[in-house]
Amino acid sequence: MIREEDKVHRSSNVVAPAASLPDSRSDQGPVEFDPSRRNVVLTGFMGTGKTTVGQLLADRLGFAFVDTDAAIESRYGPIPEIFRLNGEAAFRQYEHEVAVEFGALTSFVVSTGGRMLLDPANAAVLSRTGSVFCLTATIETILDRVMTGNAAQSRPLLAGSNVRQRIETLLSDRAEGYGQFTPVRTDGRDPESIVDEIIELLANRRIAPSTTSNAKPDQV
């Protein structure tokens, strides 16, 4: 089962510039699967395991890994401070910059912030070069993960006293957006089994097409 404490600290997930990308291959080598080096993009609500699953998936595929929130923090500082000093609009602009950057690359597993791919422009640029999966979990599972230690305090969108109600509202608001991507359930599962499922979906091309993936360049 994925737990918040199992995650590597976000600042350690930042990928170096393209000219000096690290080799993320595992000792066993990548799996027998050639997706033409298309990226694999993970979306979904906070606490669904995108970072944990993404790191393991990158090792299995022999891809590099990037956490978009970590990339933003490495350039602009902690996300709570970005929200406090510059507002959510600035953070969303930073997200789009990162989406455009990694949408122009290949051979990456990209773990995205919970709202990043709900923006059609971000979904368009990342879907062009990547297969997108939405990790899902129940409210109870999400609560258990995001309330571990001080995890909730680092998530500006959970500010307030009634975290459960806030999560319910956000999930309801985002249901249609998340629904355009291939879902992968994470409740009560170990990361390895989730990665196995994603690799099987990739190999069999059983991937839901994004409704935003056909946007023209001048629309992003």
Protein backbone atom coordinates (compact mmCIF):
# COMPACT_ATOMS: atom_id res chain seq x y z
CA MET A 1 0.00 0.00 0.00
CA ILE A 2 1.26 3.47 -0.84
CA ARG A 3 1.86 5.71 2.14
CA GLU A 4 2.85 9.36 2.25
CA GLU A 5 5.95 8.53 4.26
CA ASP A 6 7.16 6.16 1.51
CA LYS A 7 7.72 9.08 -0.85
CA VAL A 8 11.17 10.47 -1.55
CA HIS A 9 11.43 14.12 -0.56
CA ARG A 10 10.24 16.18 -3.51
CA SER A 11 13.40 18.24 -3.80
CA SER A 12 15.34 15.07 -4.63
CA ASN A 13 13.15 14.37 -7.65
CA VAL A 14 14.26 17.34 -9.73
CA VAL A 15 15.71 16.26 -13.05
CA ALA A 16 18.88 17.87 -14.36
CA PRO A 17 18.89 19.81 -17.65
CA ALA A 18 18.46 17.68 -20.76
CA ALA A 19 22.16 17.74 -21.57
CA SER A 20 23.00 15.98 -18.30
CA LEU A 21 20.01 13.78 -17.59
CA PRO A 22 20.73 10.94 -15.18
CA ASP A 23 20.46 7.33 -16.25
CA SER A 24 17.43 6.02 -14.34
CA ARG A 25 17.71 2.40 -15.52
CA SER A 26 17.46 -0.24 -12.81
CA ASP A 27 20.08 -2.94 -12.31
CA GLN A 28 17.77 -5.41 -14.04
CA GLY A 29 17.41 -3.17 -17.09
CA PRO A 30 14.19 -1.82 -18.57
CA VAL A 31 11.21 -4.07 -19.21
CA GLU A 32 10.70 -5.62 -22.64
CA PHE A 33 8.57 -2.78 -23.93
CA ASP A 34 9.24 -0.08 -26.47
CA PRO A 35 6.66 2.74 -26.36
CA SER A 36 8.67 4.63 -29.01
CA ARG A 37 10.09 6.53 -26.06
CA ARG A 38 6.83 8.38 -25.51
CA ASN A 39 6.55 9.90 -22.07
CA VAL A 40 4.23 8.43 -19.46
CA VAL A 41 2.31 11.14 -17.61
CA LEU A 42 0.61 10.56 -14.26
CA THR A 43 -2.23 12.77 -13.11
CA GLY A 44 -4.76 12.43 -10.30
CA PHE A 45 -5.65 13.95 -6.96
CA MET A 46 -3.08 14.56 -4.25
CA GLY A 47 -2.33 11.45 -2.22
CA THR A 48 -2.99 8.98 -5.02
CA GLY A 49 0.65 7.92 -5.22
CA LYS A 50 1.87 9.69 -8.35
CA THR A 51 5.43 10.24 -7.08
CA THR A 52 5.92 6.77 -5.60
CA VAL A 53 4.45 5.02 -8.63
CA GLY A 54 6.20 7.37 -11.05
CA GLN A 55 9.66 6.71 -9.66
CA LEU A 56 9.18 2.95 -9.79
CA LEU A 57 7.67 3.10 -13.27
CA ALA A 58 10.61 5.16 -14.54
CA ASP A 59 13.03 2.51 -13.22
CA ARG A 60 11.06 -0.27 -14.88
CA LEU A 61 10.87 1.51 -18.25
CA GLY A 62 14.42 2.84 -18.17
CA PHE A 63 13.11 6.41 -18.33
CA ALA A 64 14.08 9.54 -16.41
CA PHE A 65 11.62 10.76 -13.77
CA VAL A 66 10.38 14.24 -12.97
CA ASP A 67 7.89 15.52 -10.41
CA THR A 68 6.49 18.79 -11.76
CA ASP A 69 5.88 20.21 -8.29
CA ALA A 70 9.51 19.48 -7.41
CA ALA A 71 10.69 21.15 -10.61
CA ILE A 72 8.67 24.26 -9.74
CA GLU A 73 9.97 24.32 -6.18
CA SER A 74 13.57 24.03 -7.37
CA ARG A 75 13.10 27.18 -9.47
CA TYR A 76 10.65 29.31 -7.53
CA GLY A 77 10.69 28.09 -3.93
CA PRO A 78 8.23 26.15 -1.75
CA ILE A 79 4.73 25.91 -3.20
CA PRO A 80 3.01 27.26 -0.04
CA GLU A 81 5.22 30.35 -0.32
CA ILE A 82 4.39 30.77 -4.01
CA PHE A 83 0.68 30.74 -3.14
CA ARG A 84 1.19 33.12 -0.22
CA LEU A 85 3.41 35.65 -1.98
CA ASN A 86 2.30 35.48 -5.61
CA GLY A 87 -1.08 33.76 -5.59
CA GLU A 88 -2.45 30.68 -7.31
CA ALA A 89 -2.39 32.33 -10.76
CA ALA A 90 1.41 32.57 -10.63
CA PHE A 91 1.70 28.92 -9.64
CA ARG A 92 -0.52 27.86 -12.55
CA GLN A 93 1.69 29.83 -14.94
CA TYR A 94 4.75 28.02 -13.57
CA GLU A 95 2.92 24.72 -14.11
CA HIS A 96 2.31 25.59 -17.75
CA GLU A 97 5.96 26.47 -18.29
CA VAL A 98 6.98 23.08 -16.93
CA ALA A 99 4.32 21.31 -19.03
CA VAL A 100 5.62 22.92 -22.21
CA GLU A 101 9.21 22.05 -21.28
CA PHE A 102 8.63 18.36 -20.65
CA GLY A 103 6.07 18.05 -23.41
CA ALA A 104 8.95 18.75 -25.81
CA LEU A 105 11.04 15.84 -24.44
CA THR A 106 10.74 12.06 -24.58
CA SER A 107 11.68 9.09 -22.37
CA PHE A 108 10.28 10.64 -19.19
CA VAL A 109 7.81 9.58 -16.55
CA VAL A 110 6.17 12.84 -15.51
CA SER A 111 4.33 13.04 -12.18
CA THR A 112 2.08 16.09 -12.28
CA GLY A 113 0.38 18.26 -9.70
CA GLY A 114 -3.23 17.36 -8.98
CA ARG A 115 -4.76 20.15 -11.07
CA MET A 116 -2.11 20.50 -13.76
CA LEU A 117 -3.74 18.37 -16.46
CA LEU A 118 -7.19 19.82 -15.81
CA ASP A 119 -5.91 22.83 -17.75
CA PRO A 120 -6.58 21.93 -21.43
CA ALA A 121 -3.39 23.70 -22.55
CA ASN A 122 -1.25 21.60 -20.20
CA ALA A 123 -3.06 18.41 -21.16
CA ALA A 124 -2.56 19.19 -24.84
CA VAL A 125 1.20 19.67 -24.70
CA LEU A 126 1.83 16.67 -22.45
CA SER A 127 -0.56 14.35 -24.33
CA ARG A 128 1.17 14.97 -27.64
CA THR A 129 4.30 13.18 -26.51
CA GLY A 130 2.94 11.12 -23.63
CA SER A 131 0.39 8.55 -22.56
CA VAL A 132 -1.63 9.89 -19.63
CA PHE A 133 -2.95 7.86 -16.70
CA CYS A 134 -5.08 9.11 -13.82
CA LEU A 135 -4.32 7.48 -10.46
CA THR A 136 -7.43 7.21 -8.30
CA ALA A 137 -8.24 6.51 -4.65
CA THR A 138 -11.18 6.82 -2.29
CA ILE A 139 -11.61 9.82 -0.01
CA GLU A 140 -10.70 7.64 2.97
CA THR A 141 -7.45 6.54 1.34
CA ILE A 142 -6.55 10.09 0.32
CA LEU A 143 -7.25 11.38 3.83
CA ASP A 144 -5.07 8.68 5.34
CA ARG A 145 -2.20 9.59 3.05
CA VAL A 146 -2.33 13.38 3.10
CA MET A 147 -2.88 13.64 6.85
CA THR A 148 0.28 11.69 7.67
CA GLY A 149 2.64 13.86 9.70
CA ASN A 150 2.65 17.43 8.41
CA ALA A 151 1.77 16.51 4.83
CA ALA A 152 -1.47 18.49 4.73
CA GLN A 153 0.30 21.69 5.82
CA SER A 154 2.37 21.64 2.62
CA ARG A 155 -0.76 21.55 0.46
CA PRO A 156 -2.28 25.05 0.13
CA LEU A 157 -5.54 23.78 -1.36
CA LEU A 158 -6.26 21.88 1.87
CA ALA A 159 -6.04 24.99 4.03
CA GLY A 160 -8.83 25.16 6.57
CA SER A 161 -10.28 23.10 9.38
CA ASN A 162 -12.47 20.60 7.50
CA VAL A 163 -10.00 18.78 5.28
CA ARG A 164 -12.41 15.97 4.38
CA GLN A 165 -15.04 18.39 3.11
CA ARG A 166 -12.40 20.24 1.11
CA ILE A 167 -11.23 17.00 -0.51
CA GLU A 168 -14.82 15.99 -1.32
CA THR A 169 -15.45 19.36 -2.97
CA LEU A 170 -12.24 19.27 -4.99
CA LEU A 171 -12.82 15.69 -6.15
CA SER A 172 -16.34 16.58 -7.25
CA ASP A 173 -15.12 19.65 -9.11
CA ARG A 174 -12.40 17.65 -10.87
CA ALA A 175 -14.31 14.44 -11.64
CA GLU A 176 -15.09 15.33 -15.25
CA GLY A 177 -11.55 16.48 -15.96
CA TYR A 178 -9.93 13.39 -14.46
CA GLY A 179 -12.45 11.24 -16.32
CA GLN A 180 -10.90 11.99 -19.71
CA PHE A 181 -7.79 9.97 -18.82
CA THR A 182 -7.25 6.23 -18.35
CA PRO A 183 -7.92 5.46 -14.65
CA VAL A 184 -5.71 3.28 -12.48
CA ARG A 185 -6.98 2.47 -8.99
CA THR A 186 -4.42 2.64 -6.16
CA ASP A 187 -6.49 1.75 -3.07
CA GLY A 188 -5.02 -1.08 -1.00
CA ARG A 189 -2.39 -1.89 -3.63
CA ASP A 190 1.38 -1.97 -3.53
CA PRO A 191 3.21 0.29 -6.01
CA GLU A 192 4.62 -2.68 -7.95
CA SER A 193 1.16 -3.97 -8.87
CA ILE A 194 0.09 -0.50 -10.00
CA VAL A 195 3.17 -0.22 -12.20
CA ASP A 196 2.47 -3.68 -13.62
CA GLU A 197 -1.01 -2.53 -14.63
CA ILE A 198 0.25 0.64 -16.30
CA ILE A 199 2.87 -1.30 -18.26
CA GLU A 200 0.22 -3.78 -19.38
CA LEU A 201 -2.05 -0.95 -20.51
CA LEU A 202 0.82 0.62 -22.43
CA ALA A 203 1.78 -2.66 -24.06
CA ASN A 204 -1.79 -3.38 -25.10
CA ARG A 205 -2.48 0.27 -26.03
CA ARG A 206 -5.64 0.17 -23.89
CA ILE A 207 -5.37 3.87 -23.16
CA ALA A 208 -8.26 6.32 -23.21
CA PRO A 209 -7.61 9.13 -25.70
CA SER A 210 -7.47 12.57 -24.12
CA THR A 211 -10.18 14.91 -25.35
CA THR A 212 -7.56 17.66 -25.36
CA SER A 213 -4.78 15.82 -27.15
CA ASN A 214 -5.75 17.10 -30.60
CA ALA A 215 -5.40 20.78 -29.77
CA LYS A 216 -3.49 22.79 -32.36
CA PRO A 217 -0.19 24.47 -31.44
CA ASP A 218 -1.78 27.91 -31.50
CA GLN A 219 -4.30 26.78 -28.89
CA VAL A 220 -1.72 26.10 -26.18
